[in-house]
Amino acid sequence: MNMKEFKCPKCQSNMIEGIIFDNTRYGPSLPAWQPGKPERTWRGFKRKKTRSPITTFRCESCGYLESYASIQ
């Protein structure tokens, strides 16, 4: 995605690429998108092999966040 063309849909300011960390019992991890509904296990939720990393953009002006899962 070309950052020069990526504007905030709320206020039209520039969006900055970043990530959101998830603090887990085993340390920080990156969020990922997976298809389907969540399936509970005794340790939390089942993680499928088919997952896509998530990139989040934040508006420099208003702080609006927008996330995208990469398409593989």
N, C-alpha and C. Protein backbone atom coordinates (compact mmCIF):
# COMPACT_ATOMS: atom_id res chain seq x y z
N MET A 1 0.85 -1.17 0.00
CA MET A 1 0.00 0.00 0.00
C MET A 1 0.90 1.24 0.00
N ASN A 2 0.63 2.16 -0.88
CA ASN A 2 1.44 3.36 -0.99
C ASN A 2 1.03 4.36 0.10
N MET A 3 1.96 4.64 1.03
CA MET A 3 1.65 5.49 2.16
C MET A 3 1.32 6.93 1.73
N LYS A 4 1.84 7.42 0.60
CA LYS A 4 1.55 8.77 0.15
C LYS A 4 0.08 8.92 -0.24
N GLU A 5 -0.55 7.81 -0.60
CA GLU A 5 -1.93 7.84 -1.03
C GLU A 5 -2.90 7.38 0.06
N PHE A 6 -2.39 6.91 1.19
CA PHE A 6 -3.26 6.35 2.22
C PHE A 6 -3.65 7.45 3.20
N LYS A 7 -4.89 7.89 3.10
CA LYS A 7 -5.41 8.98 3.92
C LYS A 7 -6.47 8.45 4.88
N CYS A 8 -6.62 9.13 6.01
CA CYS A 8 -7.62 8.77 7.01
C CYS A 8 -9.02 8.95 6.42
N PRO A 9 -9.89 7.94 6.54
CA PRO A 9 -11.25 8.08 6.02
C PRO A 9 -12.10 9.05 6.85
N LYS A 10 -11.65 9.42 8.05
CA LYS A 10 -12.40 10.34 8.91
C LYS A 10 -12.04 11.81 8.68
N CYS A 11 -10.71 12.11 8.63
CA CYS A 11 -10.29 13.52 8.55
C CYS A 11 -9.34 13.82 7.39
N GLN A 12 -9.00 12.81 6.58
CA GLN A 12 -8.14 12.95 5.39
C GLN A 12 -6.69 13.27 5.69
N SER A 13 -6.23 13.08 6.95
CA SER A 13 -4.81 13.25 7.29
C SER A 13 -4.05 11.99 6.91
N ASN A 14 -2.72 12.03 7.00
CA ASN A 14 -1.90 10.87 6.67
C ASN A 14 -2.07 9.76 7.70
N MET A 15 -1.99 8.51 7.22
CA MET A 15 -2.04 7.33 8.08
C MET A 15 -0.62 6.76 8.20
N ILE A 16 -0.25 6.31 9.41
CA ILE A 16 1.06 5.74 9.69
C ILE A 16 0.90 4.23 9.90
N GLU A 17 1.74 3.43 9.23
CA GLU A 17 1.69 1.97 9.37
C GLU A 17 2.31 1.55 10.69
N GLY A 18 1.72 0.54 11.34
CA GLY A 18 2.25 0.01 12.59
C GLY A 18 1.65 -1.35 12.90
N ILE A 19 1.85 -1.80 14.12
CA ILE A 19 1.32 -3.08 14.57
C ILE A 19 0.73 -2.91 15.96
N ILE A 20 -0.13 -3.84 16.33
CA ILE A 20 -0.69 -3.88 17.67
C ILE A 20 -0.17 -5.16 18.32
N PHE A 21 0.51 -5.03 19.44
CA PHE A 21 1.01 -6.20 20.15
C PHE A 21 -0.07 -6.76 21.06
N ASP A 22 -0.09 -8.08 21.17
CA ASP A 22 -0.97 -8.76 22.11
C ASP A 22 -0.07 -9.36 23.18
N ASN A 23 -0.23 -8.94 24.43
CA ASN A 23 0.59 -9.50 25.50
C ASN A 23 -0.02 -10.80 25.99
N THR A 24 0.74 -11.87 25.82
CA THR A 24 0.27 -13.19 26.22
C THR A 24 1.11 -13.69 27.39
N ARG A 25 0.74 -14.82 27.88
CA ARG A 25 1.48 -15.45 28.97
C ARG A 25 2.93 -15.73 28.59
N TYR A 26 3.16 -15.96 27.30
CA TYR A 26 4.50 -16.31 26.81
C TYR A 26 5.24 -15.12 26.21
N GLY A 27 4.71 -13.92 26.37
CA GLY A 27 5.35 -12.73 25.84
C GLY A 27 4.51 -12.10 24.75
N PRO A 28 4.99 -11.00 24.18
CA PRO A 28 4.21 -10.31 23.15
C PRO A 28 4.11 -11.13 21.87
N SER A 29 2.96 -11.03 21.22
CA SER A 29 2.77 -11.68 19.93
C SER A 29 2.02 -10.73 19.02
N LEU A 30 2.05 -11.00 17.73
CA LEU A 30 1.37 -10.18 16.75
C LEU A 30 0.01 -10.79 16.45
N PRO A 31 -1.01 -9.97 16.27
CA PRO A 31 -2.33 -10.51 15.95
C PRO A 31 -2.36 -11.07 14.53
N ALA A 32 -3.25 -12.01 14.30
CA ALA A 32 -3.43 -12.61 12.98
C ALA A 32 -4.91 -12.90 12.78
N TRP A 33 -5.34 -12.84 11.53
CA TRP A 33 -6.72 -13.14 11.18
C TRP A 33 -6.79 -14.57 10.70
N GLN A 34 -7.86 -15.28 11.10
CA GLN A 34 -8.08 -16.62 10.58
C GLN A 34 -9.56 -16.78 10.26
N PRO A 35 -9.87 -17.56 9.23
CA PRO A 35 -11.27 -17.73 8.85
C PRO A 35 -12.04 -18.58 9.86
N GLY A 36 -13.35 -18.40 9.88
CA GLY A 36 -14.20 -19.22 10.73
C GLY A 36 -14.46 -18.61 12.09
N LYS A 37 -15.28 -19.33 12.85
CA LYS A 37 -15.61 -18.90 14.21
C LYS A 37 -14.57 -19.41 15.20
N PRO A 38 -14.39 -18.72 16.34
CA PRO A 38 -13.41 -19.18 17.33
C PRO A 38 -13.84 -20.51 17.95
N GLU A 39 -12.86 -21.39 18.14
CA GLU A 39 -13.10 -22.68 18.78
C GLU A 39 -12.32 -22.71 20.08
N ARG A 40 -13.03 -22.88 21.18
CA ARG A 40 -12.39 -22.90 22.51
C ARG A 40 -11.67 -24.21 22.76
N THR A 41 -10.53 -24.10 23.44
CA THR A 41 -9.80 -25.26 23.93
C THR A 41 -9.57 -25.03 25.42
N TRP A 42 -9.01 -25.99 26.10
CA TRP A 42 -8.75 -25.82 27.53
C TRP A 42 -7.67 -24.77 27.77
N ARG A 43 -6.88 -24.41 26.74
CA ARG A 43 -5.81 -23.40 26.88
C ARG A 43 -6.18 -22.05 26.29
N GLY A 44 -7.39 -21.93 25.76
CA GLY A 44 -7.79 -20.65 25.14
C GLY A 44 -8.59 -20.90 23.88
N PHE A 45 -7.98 -20.60 22.72
CA PHE A 45 -8.66 -20.79 21.44
C PHE A 45 -7.76 -21.54 20.48
N LYS A 46 -8.39 -22.34 19.62
CA LYS A 46 -7.66 -23.12 18.63
C LYS A 46 -7.10 -22.19 17.55
N ARG A 47 -5.82 -22.37 17.24
CA ARG A 47 -5.16 -21.58 16.19
C ARG A 47 -5.02 -22.45 14.96
N LYS A 48 -5.54 -21.97 13.85
CA LYS A 48 -5.44 -22.71 12.59
C LYS A 48 -4.16 -22.34 11.87
N LYS A 49 -3.71 -23.21 10.98
CA LYS A 49 -2.49 -22.94 10.21
C LYS A 49 -2.72 -21.83 9.19
N THR A 50 -3.96 -21.68 8.73
CA THR A 50 -4.29 -20.65 7.75
C THR A 50 -4.60 -19.35 8.47
N ARG A 51 -3.57 -18.52 8.66
CA ARG A 51 -3.73 -17.22 9.31
C ARG A 51 -3.03 -16.16 8.49
N SER A 52 -3.52 -14.93 8.59
CA SER A 52 -2.93 -13.81 7.87
C SER A 52 -2.49 -12.74 8.87
N PRO A 53 -1.24 -12.26 8.76
CA PRO A 53 -0.79 -11.18 9.64
C PRO A 53 -1.63 -9.93 9.45
N ILE A 54 -1.78 -9.15 10.52
CA ILE A 54 -2.57 -7.93 10.49
C ILE A 54 -1.67 -6.71 10.62
N THR A 55 -1.87 -5.75 9.73
CA THR A 55 -1.19 -4.46 9.80
C THR A 55 -2.23 -3.41 10.17
N THR A 56 -1.87 -2.52 11.07
CA THR A 56 -2.79 -1.47 11.50
C THR A 56 -2.21 -0.10 11.16
N PHE A 57 -3.07 0.79 10.70
CA PHE A 57 -2.68 2.15 10.37
C PHE A 57 -3.35 3.10 11.35
N ARG A 58 -2.60 4.14 11.78
CA ARG A 58 -3.12 5.14 12.71
C ARG A 58 -3.02 6.51 12.07
N CYS A 59 -4.09 7.28 12.21
CA CYS A 59 -4.12 8.64 11.68
C CYS A 59 -3.22 9.53 12.53
N GLU A 60 -2.39 10.33 11.85
CA GLU A 60 -1.49 11.26 12.55
C GLU A 60 -2.26 12.35 13.29
N SER A 61 -3.45 12.68 12.81
CA SER A 61 -4.20 13.80 13.37
C SER A 61 -5.24 13.38 14.41
N CYS A 62 -6.14 12.47 14.05
CA CYS A 62 -7.25 12.14 14.95
C CYS A 62 -7.08 10.83 15.71
N GLY A 63 -6.07 10.01 15.34
CA GLY A 63 -5.81 8.76 16.05
C GLY A 63 -6.66 7.59 15.60
N TYR A 64 -7.49 7.75 14.58
CA TYR A 64 -8.32 6.66 14.06
C TYR A 64 -7.44 5.48 13.66
N LEU A 65 -7.87 4.26 14.01
CA LEU A 65 -7.15 3.05 13.64
C LEU A 65 -7.92 2.26 12.59
N GLU A 66 -7.19 1.70 11.63
CA GLU A 66 -7.79 0.84 10.61
C GLU A 66 -6.83 -0.32 10.37
N SER A 67 -7.35 -1.54 10.43
CA SER A 67 -6.51 -2.74 10.31
C SER A 67 -6.82 -3.51 9.04
N TYR A 68 -5.77 -4.15 8.50
CA TYR A 68 -5.89 -4.95 7.30
C TYR A 68 -5.15 -6.28 7.49
N ALA A 69 -5.79 -7.36 7.05
CA ALA A 69 -5.14 -8.67 7.04
C ALA A 69 -4.54 -8.85 5.65
N SER A 70 -3.28 -9.30 5.59
CA SER A 70 -2.64 -9.48 4.29
C SER A 70 -3.33 -10.62 3.53
N ILE A 71 -3.38 -10.46 2.23
CA ILE A 71 -4.00 -11.48 1.37
C ILE A 71 -2.87 -12.30 0.78
N GLN A 72 -2.96 -13.59 0.98
CA GLN A 72 -1.87 -14.47 0.51
C GLN A 72 -2.28 -15.27 -0.68
